[in-house]
Amino acid sequence: PVGKKVLAALQKKYPDIKGPADITPAVGVANAYDTVMLIAAAITKAGKTDGPAVRDGFYGIDKVEGLIKTYQKPFSKTQHEALSQDDYIWTRFEVDHIIPVAKK
């Protein structure tokens, strides 16, 4: 659902976009979107924008629906990375296509 919403917004602003294949680099858009949503959730949780409050706001995030994944309590005082190795797909370029690399 988040992907459809973001794609619709991009298509409204950029009519030449027909589908996800027209978004380059798609992973950059996904990372940027999720980053902004996580920052907004932290600021909302903090109720203000000063550094220590926003940091604590990150720790208080319960759930954010992102493009890459749904983030469930993504941060804590000891966990500062919202993405792990399981959230990435290794790919390779073949002519003009991005192809997933098979897991062993």
Protein backbone atom coordinates (compact mmCIF):
# COMPACT_ATOMS: atom_id res chain seq x y z
CA PRO A 1 0.00 0.00 0.00
CA VAL A 2 2.81 2.47 0.78
CA GLY A 3 4.45 1.73 -2.56
CA LYS A 4 1.21 2.40 -4.43
CA LYS A 5 0.75 5.71 -2.57
CA VAL A 6 4.30 6.87 -3.32
CA LEU A 7 4.07 5.75 -6.97
CA ALA A 8 0.80 7.65 -7.38
CA ALA A 9 2.39 10.80 -5.92
CA LEU A 10 5.40 10.48 -8.22
CA GLN A 11 3.16 9.91 -11.25
CA LYS A 12 1.13 12.99 -10.38
CA LYS A 13 4.26 15.13 -10.24
CA TYR A 14 6.09 13.36 -13.09
CA PRO A 15 3.54 12.13 -15.70
CA ASP A 16 6.23 10.26 -17.70
CA ILE A 17 6.52 7.68 -14.90
CA LYS A 18 4.43 4.69 -15.96
CA GLY A 19 5.52 2.24 -13.26
CA PRO A 20 8.27 1.27 -10.80
CA ALA A 21 10.69 0.43 -13.63
CA ASP A 22 10.70 4.12 -14.59
CA ILE A 23 12.00 5.22 -11.17
CA THR A 24 15.79 5.45 -11.14
CA PRO A 25 17.27 4.75 -8.71
CA ALA A 26 14.30 3.09 -7.03
CA VAL A 27 16.36 2.04 -4.03
CA GLY A 28 17.39 5.66 -3.51
CA VAL A 29 13.76 6.76 -3.50
CA ALA A 30 12.86 3.98 -1.05
CA ASN A 31 15.73 4.82 1.32
CA ALA A 32 14.96 8.55 1.20
CA TYR A 33 11.23 8.00 1.79
CA ASP A 34 11.80 5.67 4.75
CA THR A 35 14.40 8.01 6.25
CA VAL A 36 12.05 10.99 6.14
CA MET A 37 9.19 8.93 7.60
CA LEU A 38 11.41 7.70 10.47
CA ILE A 39 12.66 11.23 11.20
CA ALA A 40 9.08 12.56 11.14
CA ALA A 41 7.97 9.80 13.52
CA ALA A 42 10.85 10.61 15.89
CA ILE A 43 10.03 14.34 15.89
CA THR A 44 6.34 13.59 16.42
CA LYS A 45 7.18 11.25 19.30
CA ALA A 46 9.55 13.85 20.80
CA GLY A 47 7.10 16.72 20.43
CA LYS A 48 9.99 19.07 19.66
CA THR A 49 13.08 19.29 17.49
CA ASP A 50 16.02 19.67 19.84
CA GLY A 51 18.70 17.00 19.46
CA PRO A 52 18.32 14.98 22.68
CA ALA A 53 14.52 14.96 22.37
CA VAL A 54 14.62 13.75 18.76
CA ARG A 55 17.16 11.06 19.69
CA ASP A 56 14.82 9.83 22.41
CA GLY A 57 11.96 10.11 19.93
CA PHE A 58 13.74 7.62 17.69
CA TYR A 59 13.89 5.21 20.62
CA GLY A 60 10.15 5.64 21.14
CA ILE A 61 9.03 4.82 17.58
CA ASP A 62 6.59 1.93 17.68
CA LYS A 63 5.81 1.38 13.99
CA VAL A 64 6.47 3.10 10.67
CA GLU A 65 5.15 1.77 7.35
CA GLY A 66 8.02 2.24 4.93
CA LEU A 67 8.74 1.30 1.36
CA ILE A 68 11.56 -1.05 2.27
CA LYS A 69 9.74 -2.64 5.19
CA THR A 70 7.49 -2.00 8.15
CA TYR A 71 9.72 -0.79 10.97
CA GLN A 72 8.68 -2.23 14.35
CA LYS A 73 10.51 -0.51 17.23
CA PRO A 74 13.52 0.00 14.96
CA PHE A 75 15.75 1.86 17.44
CA SER A 76 16.93 1.54 21.01
CA LYS A 77 19.81 2.89 23.06
CA THR A 78 21.91 -0.04 21.82
CA GLN A 79 20.38 -0.48 18.33
CA HIS A 80 20.94 2.46 15.98
CA GLU A 81 20.41 0.74 12.62
CA ALA A 82 16.85 0.31 11.34
CA LEU A 83 17.94 -2.00 8.53
CA SER A 84 19.87 -5.24 8.82
CA GLN A 85 21.51 -7.55 6.31
CA ASP A 86 18.19 -9.39 5.95
CA ASP A 87 16.61 -6.22 4.52
CA TYR A 88 18.88 -6.11 1.48
CA ILE A 89 18.78 -8.05 -1.76
CA TRP A 90 22.04 -8.47 -3.65
CA THR A 91 21.64 -7.64 -7.31
CA ARG A 92 23.68 -7.39 -10.47
CA PHE A 93 23.26 -5.52 -13.73
CA GLU A 94 22.60 -7.54 -16.86
CA VAL A 95 22.43 -5.30 -19.93
CA ASP A 96 19.81 -2.76 -18.78
CA HIS A 97 18.15 -4.85 -16.07
CA ILE A 98 18.82 -5.30 -12.38
CA ILE A 99 18.74 -9.02 -11.57
CA PRO A 100 18.64 -10.45 -8.01
CA VAL A 101 21.60 -12.67 -7.14
CA ALA A 102 20.45 -16.09 -5.95
CA LYS A 103 21.12 -16.91 -2.30
CA LYS A 104 23.27 -19.94 -1.64
